[in-house]
Amino acid sequence: QVQLVESGGGLVQAGGSLRLSCAASGRTYNMAWFRQAPGKEREFVAAISGYGSSTYYADSVKGRFTISRDNAKNTVYLQMNSLKPEDTAVYYCAADPTGGPLHTAWRIYNYWGQGTQVTVSS
């Protein structure tokens, strides 16, 4: 069983930055960040392979967000810069224990954190 705990959300003005953290128990997996705004479907944000050699981003965050991981701390990060009001959502980290290629479909991911709220004011 894998447990994921997110932290680092909050309220920030447009153009500002936040760093989300996801502390994981268990073995190293492919990890991803998703987000869900009120009334919208869960949306892929970024993914990283088990040892950090591969990353993939949604077009909407490419160039602004960076996913990284520190396996010694069992933690995955999402550095979010140049935040926009449309980035407002609950952000979830997720783990894919199957390995292989990075996936953008949320149904692939077996383990989820509780979510952390990010609010960007205009």
C-alpha atoms as a PDB file:
ATOM      1  CA  GLN A   1       0.000   0.000   0.000  1.00  0.00           C
ATOM      2  CA  VAL A   2       1.292   3.442  -0.927  1.00  0.00           C
ATOM      3  CA  GLN A   3       0.386   6.543   1.014  1.00  0.00           C
ATOM      4  CA  LEU A   4       0.749  10.002  -0.508  1.00  0.00           C
ATOM      5  CA  VAL A   5       0.554  13.266   1.420  1.00  0.00           C
ATOM      6  CA  GLU A   6       0.565  16.608  -0.404  1.00  0.00           C
ATOM      7  CA  SER A   7       1.511  19.956   1.085  1.00  0.00           C
ATOM      8  CA  GLY A   8       2.421  23.454  -0.041  1.00  0.00           C
ATOM      9  CA  GLY A   9      -0.839  24.773  -1.417  1.00  0.00           C
ATOM     10  CA  GLY A  10      -2.160  28.214  -0.607  1.00  0.00           C
ATOM     11  CA  LEU A  11      -3.285  31.581  -1.879  1.00  0.00           C
ATOM     12  CA  VAL A  12      -1.003  33.517  -4.216  1.00  0.00           C
ATOM     13  CA  GLN A  13      -1.361  36.468  -6.545  1.00  0.00           C
ATOM     14  CA  ALA A  14      -1.162  36.055 -10.295  1.00  0.00           C
ATOM     15  CA  GLY A  15       2.455  35.927 -11.407  1.00  0.00           C
ATOM     16  CA  GLY A  16       3.561  34.413  -8.126  1.00  0.00           C
ATOM     17  CA  SER A  17       5.042  31.023  -7.303  1.00  0.00           C
ATOM     18  CA  LEU A  18       4.282  28.027  -5.121  1.00  0.00           C
ATOM     19  CA  ARG A  19       6.008  24.703  -4.583  1.00  0.00           C
ATOM     20  CA  LEU A  20       3.921  21.633  -3.874  1.00  0.00           C
ATOM     21  CA  SER A  21       5.374  18.576  -2.190  1.00  0.00           C
ATOM     22  CA  CYS A  22       4.145  14.992  -2.163  1.00  0.00           C
ATOM     23  CA  ALA A  23       5.627  12.667   0.432  1.00  0.00           C
ATOM     24  CA  ALA A  24       5.308   9.008  -0.511  1.00  0.00           C
ATOM     25  CA  SER A  25       5.705   5.760   1.347  1.00  0.00           C
ATOM     26  CA  GLY A  26       6.789   2.573  -0.325  1.00  0.00           C
ATOM     27  CA  ARG A  27       8.826   1.907  -3.429  1.00  0.00           C
ATOM     28  CA  THR A  28       9.688   4.319  -6.203  1.00  0.00           C
ATOM     29  CA  TYR A  29       6.999   4.730  -8.821  1.00  0.00           C
ATOM     30  CA  ASN A  30       6.183   6.894 -11.785  1.00  0.00           C
ATOM     31  CA  MET A  31       4.475   9.876 -10.201  1.00  0.00           C
ATOM     32  CA  ALA A  32       2.205  12.603 -11.494  1.00  0.00           C
ATOM     33  CA  TRP A  33       0.356  15.724 -10.509  1.00  0.00           C
ATOM     34  CA  PHE A  34      -3.252  16.286 -11.497  1.00  0.00           C
ATOM     35  CA  ARG A  35      -5.616  19.118 -10.699  1.00  0.00           C
ATOM     36  CA  GLN A  36      -9.352  19.582 -10.518  1.00  0.00           C
ATOM     37  CA  ALA A  37     -11.200  22.875 -10.545  1.00  0.00           C
ATOM     38  CA  PRO A  38     -14.845  23.152  -9.410  1.00  0.00           C
ATOM     39  CA  GLY A  39     -17.198  21.801 -12.047  1.00  0.00           C
ATOM     40  CA  LYS A  40     -14.366  20.517 -14.222  1.00  0.00           C
ATOM     41  CA  GLU A  41     -12.837  17.110 -14.839  1.00  0.00           C
ATOM     42  CA  ARG A  42      -9.573  16.055 -13.283  1.00  0.00           C
ATOM     43  CA  GLU A  43      -6.742  17.323 -15.486  1.00  0.00           C
ATOM     44  CA  PHE A  44      -3.230  16.007 -15.996  1.00  0.00           C
ATOM     45  CA  VAL A  45      -0.496  18.490 -15.075  1.00  0.00           C
ATOM     46  CA  ALA A  46       2.889  16.723 -15.084  1.00  0.00           C
ATOM     47  CA  ALA A  47       4.512  13.323 -14.639  1.00  0.00           C
ATOM     48  CA  ILE A  48       7.959  12.020 -13.761  1.00  0.00           C
ATOM     49  CA  SER A  49       9.541   8.595 -14.083  1.00  0.00           C
ATOM     50  CA  GLY A  50      10.702   6.554 -11.121  1.00  0.00           C
ATOM     51  CA  TYR A  51      14.272   7.815 -11.155  1.00  0.00           C
ATOM     52  CA  GLY A  52      13.509  11.236 -12.590  1.00  0.00           C
ATOM     53  CA  SER A  53      15.034  10.669 -16.017  1.00  0.00           C
ATOM     54  CA  SER A  54      11.813  11.430 -17.893  1.00  0.00           C
ATOM     55  CA  THR A  55       9.213  14.137 -17.427  1.00  0.00           C
ATOM     56  CA  TYR A  56       6.096  15.155 -19.295  1.00  0.00           C
ATOM     57  CA  TYR A  57       3.905  18.252 -19.021  1.00  0.00           C
ATOM     58  CA  ALA A  58       0.502  19.411 -20.088  1.00  0.00           C
ATOM     59  CA  ASP A  59       0.719  22.162 -22.685  1.00  0.00           C
ATOM     60  CA  SER A  60      -1.083  24.541 -20.337  1.00  0.00           C
ATOM     61  CA  VAL A  61       1.780  24.455 -17.801  1.00  0.00           C
ATOM     62  CA  LYS A  62       4.813  23.806 -19.997  1.00  0.00           C
ATOM     63  CA  GLY A  63       7.519  26.364 -19.340  1.00  0.00           C
ATOM     64  CA  ARG A  64       5.917  27.493 -16.071  1.00  0.00           C
ATOM     65  CA  PHE A  65       5.798  24.340 -13.939  1.00  0.00           C
ATOM     66  CA  THR A  66       8.616  21.925 -13.124  1.00  0.00           C
ATOM     67  CA  ILE A  67       8.179  18.446 -11.671  1.00  0.00           C
ATOM     68  CA  SER A  68      11.084  16.881  -9.808  1.00  0.00           C
ATOM     69  CA  ARG A  69      11.752  14.230  -7.205  1.00  0.00           C
ATOM     70  CA  ASP A  70      14.150  13.392  -4.409  1.00  0.00           C
ATOM     71  CA  ASN A  71      14.047   9.632  -3.927  1.00  0.00           C
ATOM     72  CA  ALA A  72      16.222   9.829  -0.824  1.00  0.00           C
ATOM     73  CA  LYS A  73      13.329  11.735   0.770  1.00  0.00           C
ATOM     74  CA  ASN A  74      10.596   9.836  -1.117  1.00  0.00           C
ATOM     75  CA  THR A  75       9.221  13.190  -2.181  1.00  0.00           C
ATOM     76  CA  VAL A  76       7.972  14.595  -5.483  1.00  0.00           C
ATOM     77  CA  TYR A  77       7.747  18.325  -6.062  1.00  0.00           C
ATOM     78  CA  LEU A  78       5.838  20.633  -8.369  1.00  0.00           C
ATOM     79  CA  GLN A  79       7.403  24.062  -8.703  1.00  0.00           C
ATOM     80  CA  MET A  80       4.783  26.430 -10.092  1.00  0.00           C
ATOM     81  CA  ASN A  81       5.894  29.791 -11.446  1.00  0.00           C
ATOM     82  CA  SER A  82       4.055  32.570 -13.282  1.00  0.00           C
ATOM     83  CA  LEU A  83       0.795  31.364 -11.807  1.00  0.00           C
ATOM     84  CA  LYS A  84      -2.460  32.374 -13.454  1.00  0.00           C
ATOM     85  CA  PRO A  85      -5.997  32.506 -12.061  1.00  0.00           C
ATOM     86  CA  GLU A  86      -6.871  29.556 -14.293  1.00  0.00           C
ATOM     87  CA  ASP A  87      -4.356  27.447 -12.340  1.00  0.00           C
ATOM     88  CA  THR A  88      -6.727  27.593  -9.372  1.00  0.00           C
ATOM     89  CA  ALA A  89      -7.685  24.031  -8.427  1.00  0.00           C
ATOM     90  CA  VAL A  90      -7.176  21.244  -5.953  1.00  0.00           C
ATOM     91  CA  TYR A  91      -3.866  19.600  -6.834  1.00  0.00           C
ATOM     92  CA  TYR A  92      -3.397  15.866  -6.333  1.00  0.00           C
ATOM     93  CA  CYS A  93      -0.318  13.721  -6.567  1.00  0.00           C
ATOM     94  CA  ALA A  94      -0.676  10.177  -7.858  1.00  0.00           C
ATOM     95  CA  ALA A  95       1.457   7.059  -8.161  1.00  0.00           C
ATOM     96  CA  ASP A  96       1.530   4.507 -10.963  1.00  0.00           C
ATOM     97  CA  PRO A  97       3.050   1.254  -9.657  1.00  0.00           C
ATOM     98  CA  THR A  98       3.164  -0.424 -13.055  1.00  0.00           C
ATOM     99  CA  GLY A  99       6.191   1.487 -14.352  1.00  0.00           C
ATOM    100  CA  GLY A 100       6.692   1.779 -18.087  1.00  0.00           C
ATOM    101  CA  PRO A 101       5.816   4.947 -20.005  1.00  0.00           C
ATOM    102  CA  LEU A 102       4.451   8.049 -18.345  1.00  0.00           C
ATOM    103  CA  HIS A 103       0.677   8.295 -18.516  1.00  0.00           C
ATOM    104  CA  THR A 104      -1.636  11.288 -18.633  1.00  0.00           C
ATOM    105  CA  ALA A 105      -4.885   9.409 -17.944  1.00  0.00           C
ATOM    106  CA  TRP A 106      -5.875   9.612 -14.290  1.00  0.00           C
ATOM    107  CA  ARG A 107      -7.434   6.132 -14.374  1.00  0.00           C
ATOM    108  CA  ILE A 108      -3.971   4.594 -14.764  1.00  0.00           C
ATOM    109  CA  TYR A 109      -2.876   5.818 -11.352  1.00  0.00           C
ATOM    110  CA  ASN A 110      -3.700   3.536  -8.427  1.00  0.00           C
ATOM    111  CA  TYR A 111      -2.706   5.716  -5.498  1.00  0.00           C
ATOM    112  CA  TRP A 112      -3.769   9.274  -4.703  1.00  0.00           C
ATOM    113  CA  GLY A 113      -3.121  11.894  -2.086  1.00  0.00           C
ATOM    114  CA  GLN A 114      -5.836  13.879  -0.361  1.00  0.00           C
ATOM    115  CA  GLY A 115      -5.229  17.010  -2.427  1.00  0.00           C
ATOM    116  CA  THR A 116      -4.038  20.519  -1.652  1.00  0.00           C
ATOM    117  CA  GLN A 117      -5.839  23.718  -2.649  1.00  0.00           C
ATOM    118  CA  VAL A 118      -4.086  26.250  -4.852  1.00  0.00           C
ATOM    119  CA  THR A 119      -5.843  29.573  -5.334  1.00  0.00           C
ATOM    120  CA  VAL A 120      -4.455  32.242  -7.652  1.00  0.00           C
ATOM    121  CA  SER A 121      -6.004  35.689  -7.339  1.00  0.00           C
ATOM    122  CA  SER A 122      -6.062  38.179 -10.198  1.00  0.00           C
END
